Amino acid sequence: MKICFVLTIVLFSFLLSQAQTIKKPSAPTSAPGAVVKFTAAYAEILLRRTERESELEEFLLDYTEEFPKVKEIKFELGLLQKELDKITAVNVSESGKLSLALGKLIVRKIEIETDLWNLRRQYADDHPEVKRARRKAEVYERAIKEILF
């Protein structure tokens, strides 16, 4: 009985010393933008990109690359990737600015820019609808810059 008690104490002491030496895994910071990938803004943009990629795959089952909706989704995916690249370039010390609200602003701006792209395919740049969409996109861009800079 004493042997079991002594063995239990020795085992407990060993496990306790091992637990103290184990470190919590931290976010990998060696790669640029690694910490930024854990932000709400990045997640929001990634969510939109994933949704659009899924839609693109559905369309490509039935339509060619020349189908207007396929072109639109590819255009939007390009914009989403540019924004993800911009966000991953943000300094780690500034990553607190990458909130869910910022992510939503960026996603909405991209939707507006995609609408503007579609309007420009139909109308000249001086058309009232094109001007209206351009101004709307500029408002969102200013709001995003206000948060980031």
Protein backbone atom coordinates (compact mmCIF):
# COMPACT_ATOMS: atom_id res chain seq x y z
CA MET A 1 0.00 0.00 0.00
CA LYS A 2 2.86 2.37 0.86
CA ILE A 3 4.52 1.45 -2.42
CA CYS A 4 1.39 2.42 -4.38
CA PHE A 5 1.19 5.69 -2.51
CA VAL A 6 4.86 6.47 -3.17
CA LEU A 7 4.54 5.51 -6.85
CA THR A 8 1.46 7.71 -7.18
CA ILE A 9 3.31 10.68 -5.68
CA VAL A 10 6.33 10.09 -7.92
CA LEU A 11 4.11 9.78 -10.99
CA PHE A 12 2.14 12.89 -10.02
CA SER A 13 5.38 14.87 -9.48
CA PHE A 14 6.70 13.72 -12.85
CA LEU A 15 3.49 14.68 -14.67
CA LEU A 16 3.40 18.04 -12.93
CA SER A 17 6.97 18.83 -13.96
CA GLN A 18 6.18 17.81 -17.56
CA ALA A 19 3.05 19.95 -17.64
CA GLN A 20 5.02 23.00 -16.55
CA THR A 21 7.50 22.58 -19.41
CA ILE A 22 4.81 22.30 -22.08
CA LYS A 23 4.26 25.62 -23.76
CA LYS A 24 1.06 26.79 -25.38
CA PRO A 25 1.30 26.86 -29.16
CA SER A 26 1.33 30.42 -30.38
CA ALA A 27 0.25 31.86 -33.69
CA PRO A 28 3.00 31.44 -36.26
CA THR A 29 4.49 34.88 -36.77
CA SER A 30 7.42 33.95 -38.97
CA ALA A 31 5.41 34.27 -42.16
CA PRO A 32 4.16 37.75 -43.10
CA GLY A 33 0.45 38.09 -42.49
CA ALA A 34 0.20 34.92 -40.41
CA VAL A 35 -1.35 36.72 -37.44
CA VAL A 36 -3.67 38.68 -39.73
CA LYS A 37 -5.25 35.42 -40.88
CA PHE A 38 -6.73 35.09 -37.39
CA THR A 39 -8.67 38.37 -37.62
CA ALA A 40 -12.39 38.84 -38.15
CA ALA A 41 -11.88 41.00 -41.26
CA TYR A 42 -9.81 38.31 -42.94
CA ALA A 43 -12.39 35.68 -42.05
CA GLU A 44 -15.24 37.78 -43.44
CA ILE A 45 -13.48 38.28 -46.78
CA LEU A 46 -12.47 34.62 -46.89
CA LEU A 47 -16.09 33.64 -46.28
CA ARG A 48 -17.23 35.74 -49.25
CA ARG A 49 -14.47 34.32 -51.45
CA THR A 50 -15.47 30.78 -50.51
CA GLU A 51 -19.14 31.47 -51.27
CA ARG A 52 -18.26 32.92 -54.67
CA GLU A 53 -15.88 30.06 -55.51
CA SER A 54 -18.67 27.62 -54.70
CA GLU A 55 -21.08 29.51 -56.96
CA LEU A 56 -18.48 29.56 -59.72
CA GLU A 57 -18.08 25.79 -59.53
CA GLU A 58 -21.84 25.38 -59.86
CA PHE A 59 -21.99 27.63 -62.92
CA LEU A 60 -19.04 25.93 -64.59
CA LEU A 61 -20.92 22.63 -64.51
CA ASP A 62 -23.51 24.04 -66.93
CA TYR A 63 -21.89 27.08 -68.59
CA THR A 64 -18.68 28.07 -70.32
CA GLU A 65 -16.08 30.61 -69.21
CA GLU A 66 -17.76 33.16 -71.51
CA PHE A 67 -21.07 33.11 -69.62
CA PRO A 68 -21.65 36.61 -68.15
CA LYS A 69 -22.24 35.38 -64.59
CA VAL A 70 -19.03 33.32 -64.72
CA LYS A 71 -17.09 36.41 -65.83
CA GLU A 72 -18.68 38.46 -63.06
CA ILE A 73 -17.79 35.95 -60.36
CA LYS A 74 -14.21 35.70 -61.63
CA PHE A 75 -13.93 39.48 -61.57
CA GLU A 76 -15.20 39.57 -57.98
CA LEU A 77 -12.84 36.77 -56.96
CA GLY A 78 -9.95 38.84 -58.31
CA LEU A 79 -11.04 41.81 -56.20
CA LEU A 80 -11.44 39.61 -53.12
CA GLN A 81 -7.94 38.20 -53.57
CA LYS A 82 -6.47 41.71 -53.90
CA GLU A 83 -8.15 42.72 -50.64
CA LEU A 84 -6.90 39.58 -48.88
CA ASP A 85 -3.39 40.40 -50.10
CA LYS A 86 -3.72 43.97 -48.77
CA ILE A 87 -4.91 42.72 -45.39
CA THR A 88 -2.09 40.21 -45.02
CA ALA A 89 0.36 43.06 -45.66
CA VAL A 90 -0.93 44.94 -42.60
CA ASN A 91 1.62 45.21 -39.83
CA VAL A 92 1.02 42.84 -36.91
CA SER A 93 0.86 45.79 -34.51
CA GLU A 94 -2.03 47.20 -36.58
CA SER A 95 -3.97 43.92 -36.73
CA GLY A 96 -6.40 45.17 -34.07
CA LYS A 97 -7.95 47.37 -36.76
CA LEU A 98 -9.01 44.32 -38.76
CA SER A 99 -12.45 43.99 -37.21
CA LEU A 100 -15.58 42.30 -38.45
CA ALA A 101 -17.00 45.72 -39.36
CA LEU A 102 -13.97 46.39 -41.57
CA GLY A 103 -14.40 43.01 -43.23
CA LYS A 104 -18.05 43.79 -43.93
CA LEU A 105 -17.11 47.20 -45.36
CA ILE A 106 -14.57 45.59 -47.67
CA VAL A 107 -16.99 42.88 -48.83
CA ARG A 108 -19.70 45.48 -49.50
CA LYS A 109 -17.23 47.68 -51.40
CA ILE A 110 -16.30 44.72 -53.58
CA GLU A 111 -19.97 44.01 -54.29
CA ILE A 112 -20.43 47.64 -55.34
CA GLU A 113 -17.29 47.54 -57.50
CA THR A 114 -18.60 44.41 -59.18
CA ASP A 115 -21.90 46.16 -59.87
CA LEU A 116 -19.92 49.11 -61.25
CA TRP A 117 -17.96 46.74 -63.50
CA ASN A 118 -21.23 45.33 -64.84
CA LEU A 119 -22.64 48.83 -65.42
CA ARG A 120 -19.50 49.87 -67.29
CA ARG A 121 -19.95 46.91 -69.59
CA GLN A 122 -23.40 48.27 -70.52
CA TYR A 123 -23.02 52.05 -70.29
CA ALA A 124 -20.48 54.80 -70.83
CA ASP A 125 -18.62 56.24 -67.83
CA ASP A 126 -20.70 59.43 -67.94
CA HIS A 127 -23.98 57.54 -67.55
CA PRO A 128 -25.81 58.52 -64.31
CA GLU A 129 -25.97 54.92 -63.04
CA VAL A 130 -22.21 54.49 -63.52
CA LYS A 131 -21.49 57.79 -61.77
CA ARG A 132 -23.77 56.85 -58.87
CA ALA A 133 -22.10 53.44 -58.43
CA ARG A 134 -18.62 54.99 -58.66
CA ARG A 135 -19.46 57.54 -55.93
CA LYS A 136 -20.88 54.79 -53.75
CA ALA A 137 -17.68 52.74 -54.12
CA GLU A 138 -15.63 55.84 -53.24
CA VAL A 139 -17.63 56.33 -50.02
CA TYR A 140 -16.84 52.78 -48.93
CA GLU A 141 -13.18 53.17 -49.89
CA ARG A 142 -12.91 56.33 -47.76
CA ALA A 143 -14.47 54.54 -44.78
CA ILE A 144 -11.99 51.66 -45.14
CA LYS A 145 -9.04 54.06 -45.35
CA GLU A 146 -10.31 55.92 -42.30
CA ILE A 147 -10.08 52.73 -40.28
CA LEU A 148 -6.77 51.51 -41.66
CA PHE A 149 -4.84 54.78 -41.82
